[in-house]
Protein backbone atom coordinates (compact mmCIF):
# COMPACT_ATOMS: atom_id res chain seq x y z
CA UNK A 1 -34.73 -12.03 -0.44
CA UNK A 2 -33.53 -8.38 -1.00
CA UNK A 3 -30.25 -7.80 -0.82
CA UNK A 4 -30.57 -3.81 -1.84
CA UNK A 5 -29.22 -2.31 1.75
CA UNK A 6 -26.04 -4.36 -0.22
CA UNK A 7 -25.40 -3.01 -2.93
CA UNK A 8 -23.67 0.47 -4.30
CA UNK A 9 -23.96 2.50 -6.90
CA UNK A 10 -22.78 6.20 -6.38
CA UNK A 11 -23.18 5.88 -2.55
CA UNK A 12 -20.27 6.45 -0.40
CA UNK A 13 -20.41 3.62 1.92
CA UNK A 14 -19.24 3.67 5.63
CA UNK A 15 -17.67 0.08 6.03
CA UNK A 16 -17.77 -0.19 9.69
CA UNK A 17 -20.94 0.91 9.59
CA UNK A 18 -22.11 -1.61 7.55
CA UNK A 19 -22.43 -5.95 8.81
CA UNK A 20 -20.20 -8.59 8.54
CA UNK A 21 -22.02 -11.26 9.84
CA UNK A 22 -25.97 -11.63 8.89
CA UNK A 23 -28.01 -14.95 8.07
CA UNK A 24 -31.23 -12.39 6.81
CA UNK A 25 -33.20 -14.24 9.58
CA UNK A 26 -33.41 -17.39 8.18
CA UNK A 27 -32.28 -21.17 9.97
CA UNK A 28 -28.50 -22.67 8.67
CA UNK A 29 -31.44 -25.43 7.26
CA UNK A 30 -33.36 -22.60 4.69
CA UNK A 31 -30.06 -20.87 4.01
CA UNK A 32 -29.12 -24.81 2.57
CA UNK A 33 -32.45 -25.05 0.27
CA UNK A 34 -32.13 -21.64 -0.84
CA UNK A 35 -28.48 -21.82 -2.15
CA UNK A 36 -28.93 -24.66 -3.68
CA UNK A 37 -32.07 -23.77 -5.21
CA UNK A 38 -30.40 -20.22 -6.87
CA UNK A 39 -27.27 -22.42 -8.05
CA UNK A 40 -29.29 -24.62 -10.04
CA UNK A 41 -31.07 -21.97 -11.34
CA UNK A 42 -27.46 -19.87 -12.27
CA UNK A 43 -26.60 -22.96 -13.73
CA UNK A 44 -29.64 -23.09 -16.10
CA UNK A 45 -28.86 -19.09 -16.95
CA UNK A 46 -25.96 -20.24 -17.86
CA UNK A 47 -26.01 -22.89 -20.49
CA UNK A 48 -28.38 -19.86 -22.28
CA UNK A 49 -25.93 -17.45 -21.93
CA UNK A 50 -23.15 -20.77 -23.49
CA UNK A 51 -25.51 -21.40 -26.60
CA UNK A 52 -26.13 -18.09 -27.58
CA UNK A 53 -22.79 -16.72 -27.44
CA UNK A 54 -23.64 -12.74 -27.84
CA UNK A 55 -22.69 -11.75 -23.94
CA UNK A 56 -20.41 -12.05 -21.02
CA UNK A 57 -20.62 -11.92 -17.32
CA UNK A 58 -17.44 -10.75 -15.42
CA UNK A 59 -17.73 -11.08 -11.90
CA UNK A 60 -15.68 -9.87 -9.32
CA UNK A 61 -14.02 -10.66 -5.78
CA UNK A 62 -12.06 -8.49 -3.58
CA UNK A 63 -11.61 -8.70 0.38
CA UNK A 64 -9.30 -9.25 2.92
CA UNK A 65 -6.97 -12.04 3.10
CA UNK A 66 -8.67 -14.69 4.77
CA UNK A 67 -12.37 -13.44 3.96
CA UNK A 68 -13.59 -16.46 1.60
CA UNK A 69 -12.47 -15.71 -1.74
CA UNK A 70 -11.72 -19.16 -2.84
CA UNK A 71 -14.40 -20.79 -1.08
CA UNK A 72 -16.21 -18.76 -2.78
CA UNK A 73 -15.07 -19.38 -6.44
CA UNK A 74 -15.33 -23.12 -5.38
CA UNK A 75 -19.22 -22.89 -4.41
CA UNK A 76 -19.95 -20.55 -6.83
CA UNK A 77 -18.83 -23.03 -9.84
CA UNK A 78 -19.33 -26.08 -8.85
CA UNK A 79 -22.47 -26.32 -10.60
CA UNK A 80 -21.20 -24.49 -13.41
CA UNK A 81 -20.25 -25.97 -16.60
CA UNK A 82 -16.49 -25.79 -16.79
CA UNK A 83 -16.26 -25.19 -21.09
CA UNK A 84 -18.16 -21.55 -19.56
CA UNK A 85 -16.52 -20.65 -16.73
CA UNK A 86 -13.01 -18.95 -16.20
CA UNK A 87 -11.07 -18.48 -13.11
CA UNK A 88 -8.67 -15.79 -13.35
CA UNK A 89 -6.40 -15.18 -9.45
CA UNK A 90 -3.74 -11.59 -9.96
CA UNK A 91 -1.22 -11.64 -8.53
CA UNK A 92 2.05 -9.55 -8.10
CA UNK A 93 2.36 -8.65 -11.34
CA UNK A 94 5.44 -10.06 -13.38
CA UNK A 95 7.91 -7.73 -15.09
CA UNK A 96 6.50 -8.08 -18.78
CA UNK A 97 3.40 -6.79 -17.01
CA UNK A 98 4.59 -3.88 -15.03
CA UNK A 99 6.47 -2.59 -18.25
CA UNK A 100 2.40 -2.36 -19.74
CA UNK A 101 -0.32 -0.05 -18.42
CA UNK A 102 -2.22 -1.42 -14.76
CA UNK A 103 -5.13 -2.63 -17.14
CA UNK A 104 -3.16 -4.47 -19.55
CA UNK A 105 -3.02 -7.95 -17.81
CA UNK A 106 -6.88 -7.26 -17.39
CA UNK A 107 -8.37 -6.63 -19.77
CA UNK A 108 -6.75 -10.30 -22.03
CA UNK A 109 -8.52 -11.85 -19.29
CA UNK A 110 -12.00 -10.67 -20.24
CA UNK A 111 -14.50 -12.59 -20.81
CA UNK A 112 -15.23 -13.34 -24.24
CA UNK A 113 -18.84 -14.13 -25.35
CA UNK A 114 -20.64 -16.97 -23.95
CA UNK A 115 -18.33 -17.33 -20.73
CA UNK A 116 -18.76 -16.28 -17.26
CA UNK A 117 -15.55 -15.15 -15.57
CA UNK A 118 -14.21 -14.98 -12.16
CA UNK A 119 -11.78 -12.72 -11.17
CA UNK A 120 -10.15 -13.14 -7.75
CA UNK A 121 -8.51 -9.92 -6.90
CA UNK A 122 -8.39 -7.85 -9.95
CA UNK A 123 -7.57 -4.42 -11.74
CA UNK A 124 -8.31 -2.91 -8.21
CA UNK A 125 -5.69 -3.74 -7.04
CA UNK A 126 -4.15 -0.97 -8.25
CA UNK A 127 -5.99 0.94 -6.49
CA UNK A 128 -6.22 -0.81 -3.33
CA UNK A 129 -2.52 -2.57 -1.85
CA UNK A 130 -1.00 0.11 -4.12
CA UNK A 131 -2.63 2.86 -2.27
CA UNK A 132 -2.09 1.44 1.12
CA UNK A 133 1.94 1.08 0.47
CA UNK A 134 2.35 4.24 -1.76
CA UNK A 135 3.94 2.30 -4.36
CA UNK A 136 2.08 5.05 -6.61
CA UNK A 137 2.18 8.90 -6.91
CA UNK A 138 -1.19 9.99 -5.90
CA UNK A 139 -2.41 11.88 -9.31
CA UNK A 140 -1.82 8.39 -11.13
CA UNK A 141 -3.94 6.43 -8.31
CA UNK A 142 -6.59 9.47 -8.83
CA UNK A 143 -6.15 8.70 -12.12
CA UNK A 144 -6.90 4.98 -12.16
CA UNK A 145 -10.17 5.45 -10.84
CA UNK A 146 -11.66 7.07 -14.20
CA UNK A 147 -9.08 4.40 -16.64
CA UNK A 148 -11.15 2.01 -14.64
CA UNK A 149 -14.30 3.24 -15.28
CA UNK A 150 -13.80 3.70 -19.02
CA UNK A 151 -12.50 -0.04 -19.13
CA UNK A 152 -15.19 -1.13 -17.04
CA UNK A 153 -18.04 1.53 -19.85
CA UNK A 154 -15.64 -0.14 -22.64
CA UNK A 155 -16.57 -3.88 -21.52
CA UNK A 156 -20.31 -3.43 -21.31
CA UNK A 157 -20.39 -1.19 -24.85
CA UNK A 158 -19.67 -4.96 -26.12
CA UNK A 159 -21.71 -6.62 -24.00
CA UNK A 160 -20.37 -7.94 -20.69
CA UNK A 161 -21.72 -6.90 -17.70
CA UNK A 162 -19.40 -6.87 -14.63
CA UNK A 163 -20.77 -7.47 -11.28
CA UNK A 164 -18.21 -6.24 -8.20
CA UNK A 165 -18.19 -8.35 -4.68
CA UNK A 166 -16.04 -6.94 -1.00
CA UNK A 167 -16.80 -9.71 0.78
CA UNK A 168 -16.69 -8.05 4.43
CA UNK A 169 -15.54 -9.29 7.87
CA UNK A 170 -14.13 -7.51 10.62
CA UNK A 171 -10.19 -7.88 11.95
CA UNK A 172 -11.70 -10.38 14.13
CA UNK A 173 -12.85 -12.84 12.21
CA UNK A 174 -9.70 -12.40 9.99
CA UNK A 175 -7.87 -13.19 13.13
CA UNK A 176 -9.83 -16.56 13.52
CA UNK A 177 -9.30 -17.79 10.41
CA UNK A 178 -5.59 -17.23 10.88
CA UNK A 179 -5.21 -19.05 14.06
CA UNK A 180 -7.30 -22.27 12.29
CA UNK A 181 -4.83 -22.21 9.49
CA UNK A 182 -2.07 -22.34 11.87
CA UNK A 183 -4.17 -25.33 14.14
CA UNK A 184 -5.01 -27.35 11.18
CA UNK A 185 -2.19 -29.26 9.93
CA UNK A 186 -3.90 -29.15 5.88
CA UNK A 187 -4.53 -25.48 5.94
CA UNK A 188 -0.71 -24.67 7.12
CA UNK A 189 0.21 -23.75 3.53
CA UNK A 190 -2.58 -21.13 3.53
CA UNK A 191 -0.96 -19.11 6.33
CA UNK A 192 1.24 -16.26 5.24
CA UNK A 193 2.78 -14.33 8.15
CA UNK A 194 3.59 -11.42 4.93
CA UNK A 195 -0.74 -11.62 6.30
CA UNK A 196 -0.50 -10.46 9.45
CA UNK A 197 1.83 -7.41 8.31
CA UNK A 198 -1.37 -6.37 6.12
CA UNK A 199 -3.61 -6.39 9.24
CA UNK A 200 -1.10 -3.51 10.37
CA UNK A 201 -3.12 -1.62 7.39
CA UNK A 202 -6.85 -2.52 8.12
CA UNK A 203 -8.00 0.88 8.73
CA UNK A 204 -6.33 1.90 5.70
CA UNK A 205 -7.61 -0.11 3.53
CA UNK A 206 -11.03 -0.01 4.34
CA UNK A 207 -10.82 3.83 3.83
CA UNK A 208 -9.47 2.78 0.06
CA UNK A 209 -12.09 -0.08 -0.17
CA UNK A 210 -14.70 2.68 0.52
CA UNK A 211 -13.05 5.02 -2.01
CA UNK A 212 -13.13 2.51 -4.93
CA UNK A 213 -16.28 1.05 -4.05
CA UNK A 214 -18.11 5.29 -4.34
CA UNK A 215 -15.68 5.83 -7.30
CA UNK A 216 -15.77 2.46 -9.86
CA UNK A 217 -19.17 1.79 -9.39
CA UNK A 218 -22.12 2.38 -12.19
CA UNK A 219 -25.93 0.92 -13.20
CA UNK A 220 -23.65 -1.57 -14.94
CA UNK A 221 -21.26 -2.37 -13.24
CA UNK A 222 -22.35 -2.34 -9.84
CA UNK A 223 -20.70 -2.64 -6.74
CA UNK A 224 -22.41 -5.40 -3.14
CA UNK A 225 -20.48 -5.38 0.03
CA UNK A 226 -21.49 -9.61 1.16
CA UNK A 227 -21.29 -10.27 5.27
CA UNK A 228 -18.74 -12.75 4.23
CA UNK A 229 -18.97 -14.19 8.25
CA UNK A 230 -21.32 -16.33 7.65
CA UNK A 231 -20.69 -18.81 4.68
CA UNK A 232 -23.85 -19.81 3.60
CA UNK A 233 -25.16 -16.45 4.02
CA UNK A 234 -22.81 -15.79 1.52
CA UNK A 235 -23.02 -18.02 -0.98
CA UNK A 236 -26.55 -17.24 -1.08
CA UNK A 237 -26.45 -13.93 -1.68
CA UNK A 238 -23.86 -13.87 -4.52
CA UNK A 239 -25.92 -16.64 -6.27
CA UNK A 240 -28.84 -14.30 -6.24
CA UNK A 241 -27.41 -11.35 -7.86
CA UNK A 242 -25.58 -13.41 -10.24
CA UNK A 243 -28.66 -15.13 -10.97
CA UNK A 244 -30.83 -11.84 -11.47
CA UNK A 245 -28.11 -10.01 -13.46
CA UNK A 246 -28.03 -13.35 -15.90
CA UNK A 247 -32.53 -12.71 -15.54
CA UNK A 248 -31.32 -9.43 -15.98
CA UNK A 249 -29.67 -9.82 -19.06
CA UNK A 250 -32.17 -11.75 -21.41
CA UNK A 251 -30.16 -14.52 -22.74
CA UNK A 252 -31.77 -16.59 -25.72
CA UNK A 253 -31.10 -19.91 -27.18
CA UNK A 254 -30.52 -19.66 -30.68
CA UNK A 255 -32.19 -19.97 -34.01
CA UNK A 256 -31.11 -23.34 -35.25
CA UNK A 257 -29.53 -22.27 -38.73
CA UNK A 258 -31.34 -25.16 -40.13
CA UNK A 259 -35.01 -25.76 -41.52
CA UNK A 260 -36.62 -27.49 -38.07
CA UNK A 261 -40.08 -28.89 -40.37
CA UNK A 262 -37.40 -31.04 -42.60
CA UNK A 263 -36.50 -32.87 -39.87
CA UNK A 264 -38.56 -35.37 -37.28
CA UNK A 265 -36.72 -37.25 -33.95
CA UNK A 266 -39.07 -40.13 -35.47
CA UNK A 267 -37.38 -40.72 -38.25
CA UNK A 268 -33.93 -40.78 -37.78
CA UNK A 269 -32.01 -43.78 -37.97
């Protein structure tokens, strides 16, 4: 499938004009089949990335509450080798983290060569929730876009590809997920009354997302706005983008450091 209409590099998106629900014109059965095939490809490509150990991939997930970041990570990593995959969740910064620049804690968690790292929230919180609530001066936030671009450019220079996903949902869908968390006992732990307060700032968040996507997207670190209400389509789209990114990195198995002609499998005892 072609997901180009959801890819942003340099454009200024209007999130209220983008779909939050899409099936790509496929049945549920077809979506499941395509998704499974993509995951198998990602598994194989990750093995080569890990074996080569020269490049790395950083996947950034950002979204409003209840958009499905946790389930996306669960599905995306299901077929991955845990030795080469890391998931980092960014909560409210600690006192030590606040005593440093806003990228300090993020840089420490960037993927090492051969690895795939997934950020559940990220450095973009400092131009999203911080901006919406006015926790930093406007000129400070404005400079952060440039700092983010420089940081992601630094990662690209040392062989780390960055791909960023905004899971796009409607406020109506979010409310339905909140209700589900209250209706199902096993989901009660996920309900946070504070999320209801954040809903009141929905329009401000959308504007902040639009600015971040517009100002912080490049060919080396594009943004994708994912219609996230159909979870099968969401998984297929994200898996496909990850697969295509890994293919574009052109990783290869390393050349053995021994003379391969000197050893035959049949001669081993």
